[in-house]
């Protein structure tokens, strides 16, 4: 069963600085996770004029929990987690778990 890491980033003080670091440094680093099957990043759009709950949501999918654990424990995984302090000062919620394909 696939296993996912979902990162929900709070709205930063400077969206421009956050986006620059995320796009130029963090995303390329995270894309190097060994065993990574897919990686998507979404910047939610405002609906009905309301600000979205999060600035960015990233979903990283691995084949299984063992692949995920190996990736997070790798040098790349450790570097990616350490990099959060460089741009995610407003906070990030990390969710992990098995992923069922509904459709």
N, C-alpha and C. Protein backbone atom coordinates (compact mmCIF):
# COMPACT_ATOMS: atom_id res chain seq x y z
N UNK A 1 0.85 -1.18 0.00
CA UNK A 1 0.00 0.00 0.00
C UNK A 1 0.89 1.24 0.00
N UNK A 2 0.54 2.21 -0.80
CA UNK A 2 1.28 3.47 -0.87
C UNK A 2 1.29 4.15 0.50
N UNK A 3 2.31 4.96 0.72
CA UNK A 3 2.46 5.68 1.98
C UNK A 3 2.79 7.12 1.63
N UNK A 4 2.14 8.07 2.33
CA UNK A 4 2.32 9.47 1.98
C UNK A 4 2.79 10.32 3.14
N UNK A 5 3.50 11.37 2.77
CA UNK A 5 3.82 12.46 3.67
C UNK A 5 3.09 13.68 3.10
N UNK A 6 2.29 14.32 3.93
CA UNK A 6 1.58 15.54 3.52
C UNK A 6 2.07 16.67 4.41
N UNK A 7 2.57 17.73 3.80
CA UNK A 7 3.05 18.90 4.53
C UNK A 7 2.11 20.07 4.25
N UNK A 8 1.53 20.63 5.30
CA UNK A 8 0.61 21.76 5.20
C UNK A 8 1.30 22.98 5.80
N UNK A 9 1.68 23.91 4.94
CA UNK A 9 2.44 25.08 5.37
C UNK A 9 1.52 26.25 5.68
N UNK A 10 1.68 26.82 6.88
CA UNK A 10 0.91 28.01 7.27
C UNK A 10 1.35 29.20 6.42
N UNK A 11 0.52 30.23 6.42
CA UNK A 11 0.84 31.43 5.65
C UNK A 11 2.06 32.12 6.25
N UNK A 12 3.10 32.31 5.45
CA UNK A 12 4.32 32.95 5.95
C UNK A 12 4.17 34.46 6.03
N UNK A 13 5.09 35.07 6.75
CA UNK A 13 5.11 36.54 6.83
C UNK A 13 5.38 37.12 5.45
N UNK A 14 6.31 36.52 4.72
CA UNK A 14 6.62 36.97 3.36
C UNK A 14 6.40 35.80 2.40
N UNK A 15 5.30 35.85 1.66
CA UNK A 15 5.01 34.78 0.70
C UNK A 15 6.09 34.72 -0.38
N UNK A 16 6.61 35.87 -0.78
CA UNK A 16 7.65 35.89 -1.82
C UNK A 16 8.91 35.17 -1.35
N UNK A 17 9.35 35.45 -0.14
CA UNK A 17 10.57 34.80 0.38
C UNK A 17 10.33 33.30 0.57
N UNK A 18 9.16 32.94 1.08
CA UNK A 18 8.83 31.52 1.27
C UNK A 18 8.85 30.80 -0.08
N UNK A 19 8.13 31.36 -1.05
CA UNK A 19 8.03 30.71 -2.36
C UNK A 19 9.39 30.58 -3.04
N UNK A 20 10.22 31.59 -2.92
CA UNK A 20 11.55 31.54 -3.53
C UNK A 20 12.36 30.40 -2.92
N UNK A 21 12.38 30.32 -1.60
CA UNK A 21 13.15 29.26 -0.95
C UNK A 21 12.55 27.88 -1.26
N UNK A 22 11.23 27.80 -1.18
CA UNK A 22 10.59 26.50 -1.43
C UNK A 22 10.87 26.03 -2.86
N UNK A 23 10.67 26.91 -3.83
CA UNK A 23 10.82 26.53 -5.23
C UNK A 23 12.27 26.29 -5.65
N UNK A 24 13.19 27.08 -5.09
CA UNK A 24 14.58 26.99 -5.54
C UNK A 24 15.46 26.08 -4.69
N UNK A 25 15.05 25.84 -3.44
CA UNK A 25 15.90 25.05 -2.55
C UNK A 25 15.19 23.81 -2.01
N UNK A 26 14.06 24.01 -1.34
CA UNK A 26 13.43 22.89 -0.63
C UNK A 26 12.82 21.85 -1.57
N UNK A 27 12.04 22.29 -2.54
CA UNK A 27 11.40 21.33 -3.45
C UNK A 27 12.44 20.50 -4.22
N UNK A 28 13.49 21.12 -4.78
CA UNK A 28 14.49 20.29 -5.46
C UNK A 28 15.18 19.30 -4.52
N UNK A 29 15.38 19.69 -3.27
CA UNK A 29 15.97 18.79 -2.30
C UNK A 29 15.03 17.63 -1.99
N UNK A 30 13.77 17.94 -1.68
CA UNK A 30 12.81 16.90 -1.36
C UNK A 30 12.55 15.97 -2.54
N UNK A 31 12.67 16.48 -3.74
CA UNK A 31 12.46 15.65 -4.94
C UNK A 31 13.54 14.57 -5.07
N UNK A 32 14.61 14.69 -4.31
CA UNK A 32 15.69 13.71 -4.36
C UNK A 32 15.52 12.58 -3.34
N UNK A 33 14.40 12.58 -2.58
CA UNK A 33 14.17 11.49 -1.63
C UNK A 33 14.30 10.16 -2.36
N UNK A 34 15.11 9.24 -1.84
CA UNK A 34 15.18 7.93 -2.49
C UNK A 34 13.83 7.23 -2.37
N UNK A 35 13.41 6.57 -3.44
CA UNK A 35 12.15 5.82 -3.43
C UNK A 35 10.90 6.67 -3.60
N UNK A 36 11.05 7.96 -3.88
CA UNK A 36 9.90 8.84 -4.05
C UNK A 36 9.17 8.47 -5.34
N UNK A 37 7.88 8.17 -5.22
CA UNK A 37 7.06 7.80 -6.39
C UNK A 37 6.47 9.04 -7.06
N UNK A 38 5.96 9.96 -6.27
CA UNK A 38 5.42 11.20 -6.83
C UNK A 38 5.49 12.30 -5.78
N UNK A 39 5.46 13.54 -6.28
CA UNK A 39 5.58 14.72 -5.41
C UNK A 39 4.77 15.83 -6.06
N UNK A 40 3.76 16.30 -5.37
CA UNK A 40 2.97 17.43 -5.87
C UNK A 40 2.96 18.53 -4.81
N UNK A 41 2.92 19.75 -5.29
CA UNK A 41 2.81 20.92 -4.42
C UNK A 41 1.67 21.78 -4.96
N UNK A 42 0.81 22.19 -4.06
CA UNK A 42 -0.35 22.99 -4.44
C UNK A 42 -0.39 24.25 -3.60
N UNK A 43 -0.57 25.37 -4.26
CA UNK A 43 -0.81 26.63 -3.55
C UNK A 43 -2.32 26.88 -3.68
N UNK A 44 -3.06 26.61 -2.60
CA UNK A 44 -4.52 26.70 -2.67
C UNK A 44 -5.00 28.10 -3.09
N UNK A 45 -6.02 28.10 -3.90
CA UNK A 45 -6.63 29.35 -4.35
C UNK A 45 -7.72 29.77 -3.37
N UNK A 46 -7.94 31.06 -3.30
CA UNK A 46 -9.01 31.57 -2.45
C UNK A 46 -10.36 31.18 -3.05
N UNK A 47 -11.28 30.80 -2.20
CA UNK A 47 -12.63 30.48 -2.66
C UNK A 47 -13.60 31.42 -1.94
N UNK A 48 -14.54 31.91 -2.68
CA UNK A 48 -15.54 32.83 -2.13
C UNK A 48 -14.89 34.01 -1.42
N UNK A 49 -13.72 34.43 -1.90
CA UNK A 49 -13.05 35.58 -1.32
C UNK A 49 -12.35 35.30 0.00
N UNK A 50 -12.40 34.06 0.46
CA UNK A 50 -11.77 33.74 1.74
C UNK A 50 -10.36 33.22 1.53
N UNK A 51 -9.49 33.57 2.44
CA UNK A 51 -8.11 33.11 2.39
C UNK A 51 -8.08 31.61 2.68
N UNK A 52 -7.33 30.85 1.89
CA UNK A 52 -7.22 29.42 2.16
C UNK A 52 -6.59 29.16 3.53
N UNK A 53 -6.83 28.02 4.09
CA UNK A 53 -6.29 27.69 5.41
C UNK A 53 -4.77 27.58 5.39
N UNK A 54 -4.20 27.19 4.25
CA UNK A 54 -2.75 27.00 4.15
C UNK A 54 -2.20 27.72 2.93
N UNK A 55 -0.93 28.09 3.02
CA UNK A 55 -0.24 28.73 1.89
C UNK A 55 0.14 27.70 0.84
N UNK A 56 0.59 26.52 1.29
CA UNK A 56 1.04 25.48 0.36
C UNK A 56 0.80 24.12 0.99
N UNK A 57 0.43 23.16 0.16
CA UNK A 57 0.29 21.77 0.58
C UNK A 57 1.14 20.91 -0.34
N UNK A 58 1.99 20.09 0.24
CA UNK A 58 2.84 19.19 -0.54
C UNK A 58 2.48 17.75 -0.19
N UNK A 59 2.42 16.90 -1.21
CA UNK A 59 2.11 15.48 -1.02
C UNK A 59 3.22 14.67 -1.67
N UNK A 60 3.91 13.89 -0.85
CA UNK A 60 4.98 13.02 -1.32
C UNK A 60 4.51 11.58 -1.13
N UNK A 61 4.58 10.80 -2.19
CA UNK A 61 4.08 9.42 -2.15
C UNK A 61 5.22 8.45 -2.37
N UNK A 62 5.22 7.41 -1.54
CA UNK A 62 6.20 6.34 -1.60
C UNK A 62 5.47 5.01 -1.80
N UNK A 63 6.17 3.99 -2.23
CA UNK A 63 5.54 2.69 -2.46
C UNK A 63 4.94 2.10 -1.20
N UNK A 64 5.62 2.28 -0.07
CA UNK A 64 5.16 1.69 1.18
C UNK A 64 5.83 2.39 2.35
N UNK A 65 5.46 2.01 3.56
CA UNK A 65 6.00 2.66 4.76
C UNK A 65 7.50 2.43 4.90
N UNK A 66 7.97 1.28 4.49
CA UNK A 66 9.40 1.00 4.58
C UNK A 66 10.19 1.94 3.67
N UNK A 67 9.69 2.19 2.46
CA UNK A 67 10.35 3.13 1.55
C UNK A 67 10.35 4.54 2.13
N UNK A 68 9.24 4.91 2.73
CA UNK A 68 9.14 6.22 3.37
C UNK A 68 10.17 6.36 4.49
N UNK A 69 10.22 5.36 5.37
CA UNK A 69 11.15 5.40 6.50
C UNK A 69 12.60 5.48 6.02
N UNK A 70 12.93 4.72 4.98
CA UNK A 70 14.29 4.76 4.44
C UNK A 70 14.59 6.15 3.87
N UNK A 71 13.63 6.77 3.21
CA UNK A 71 13.82 8.09 2.61
C UNK A 71 14.03 9.15 3.69
N UNK A 72 13.20 9.13 4.71
CA UNK A 72 13.31 10.12 5.79
C UNK A 72 14.61 9.94 6.57
N UNK A 73 15.07 8.71 6.69
CA UNK A 73 16.30 8.44 7.41
C UNK A 73 17.57 8.65 6.60
N UNK A 74 17.41 8.90 5.31
CA UNK A 74 18.56 9.11 4.43
C UNK A 74 19.17 10.49 4.66
N UNK A 75 20.35 10.72 4.10
CA UNK A 75 20.98 12.04 4.20
C UNK A 75 20.11 13.12 3.58
N UNK A 76 19.48 12.80 2.45
CA UNK A 76 18.57 13.77 1.80
C UNK A 76 17.39 14.05 2.71
N UNK A 77 16.82 13.02 3.30
CA UNK A 77 15.69 13.19 4.20
C UNK A 77 16.03 14.07 5.39
N UNK A 78 17.17 13.83 5.98
CA UNK A 78 17.60 14.63 7.13
C UNK A 78 17.83 16.08 6.72
N UNK A 79 18.42 16.28 5.54
CA UNK A 79 18.66 17.65 5.06
C UNK A 79 17.35 18.37 4.78
N UNK A 80 16.38 17.68 4.18
CA UNK A 80 15.09 18.29 3.87
C UNK A 80 14.35 18.68 5.15
N UNK A 81 14.38 17.81 6.14
CA UNK A 81 13.71 18.14 7.40
C UNK A 81 14.41 19.29 8.10
N UNK A 82 15.74 19.33 8.08
CA UNK A 82 16.49 20.43 8.69
C UNK A 82 16.22 21.74 7.96
N UNK A 83 15.98 21.68 6.66
CA UNK A 83 15.76 22.89 5.87
C UNK A 83 14.46 23.60 6.24
N UNK A 84 13.52 22.91 6.86
CA UNK A 84 12.25 23.55 7.23
C UNK A 84 12.49 24.80 8.07
N UNK A 85 13.50 24.77 8.91
CA UNK A 85 13.79 25.93 9.77
C UNK A 85 14.21 27.15 8.97
N UNK A 86 14.62 26.95 7.72
CA UNK A 86 15.09 28.06 6.89
C UNK A 86 13.98 28.84 6.20
N UNK A 87 12.76 28.31 6.19
CA UNK A 87 11.70 29.02 5.46
C UNK A 87 10.30 28.84 6.03
N UNK A 88 10.09 27.86 6.89
CA UNK A 88 8.73 27.55 7.37
C UNK A 88 8.52 28.05 8.80
N UNK A 89 8.96 29.26 9.07
CA UNK A 89 8.86 29.82 10.41
C UNK A 89 7.43 30.01 10.89
N UNK A 90 6.49 30.12 9.99
CA UNK A 90 5.09 30.29 10.38
C UNK A 90 4.46 28.97 10.79
N UNK A 91 5.19 27.87 10.56
CA UNK A 91 4.70 26.56 10.98
C UNK A 91 4.30 25.68 9.82
N UNK A 92 4.48 24.39 10.04
CA UNK A 92 4.10 23.39 9.07
C UNK A 92 3.55 22.20 9.83
N UNK A 93 2.46 21.64 9.34
CA UNK A 93 1.89 20.43 9.90
C UNK A 93 2.26 19.28 8.98
N UNK A 94 2.87 18.24 9.53
CA UNK A 94 3.28 17.08 8.76
C UNK A 94 2.36 15.92 9.13
N UNK A 95 1.75 15.34 8.12
CA UNK A 95 0.91 14.16 8.30
C UNK A 95 1.53 13.01 7.51
N UNK A 96 1.54 11.82 8.08
CA UNK A 96 2.04 10.66 7.35
C UNK A 96 1.08 9.50 7.57
N UNK A 97 1.03 8.62 6.58
CA UNK A 97 0.20 7.43 6.74
C UNK A 97 -0.06 6.72 5.42
N UNK A 98 -0.68 5.55 5.53
CA UNK A 98 -1.02 4.79 4.32
C UNK A 98 -2.03 5.56 3.48
N UNK A 99 -1.91 5.41 2.17
CA UNK A 99 -2.79 6.13 1.25
C UNK A 99 -3.59 5.14 0.43
N UNK A 100 -4.89 5.24 0.50
CA UNK A 100 -5.77 4.42 -0.33
C UNK A 100 -6.14 5.20 -1.58
N UNK A 101 -6.10 4.56 -2.71
CA UNK A 101 -6.55 5.20 -3.94
C UNK A 101 -8.05 4.98 -4.04
N UNK A 102 -8.79 6.07 -4.00
CA UNK A 102 -10.24 6.00 -4.02
C UNK A 102 -10.77 5.85 -5.44
N UNK A 103 -10.13 6.52 -6.34
CA UNK A 103 -10.57 6.45 -7.74
C UNK A 103 -9.39 6.51 -8.65
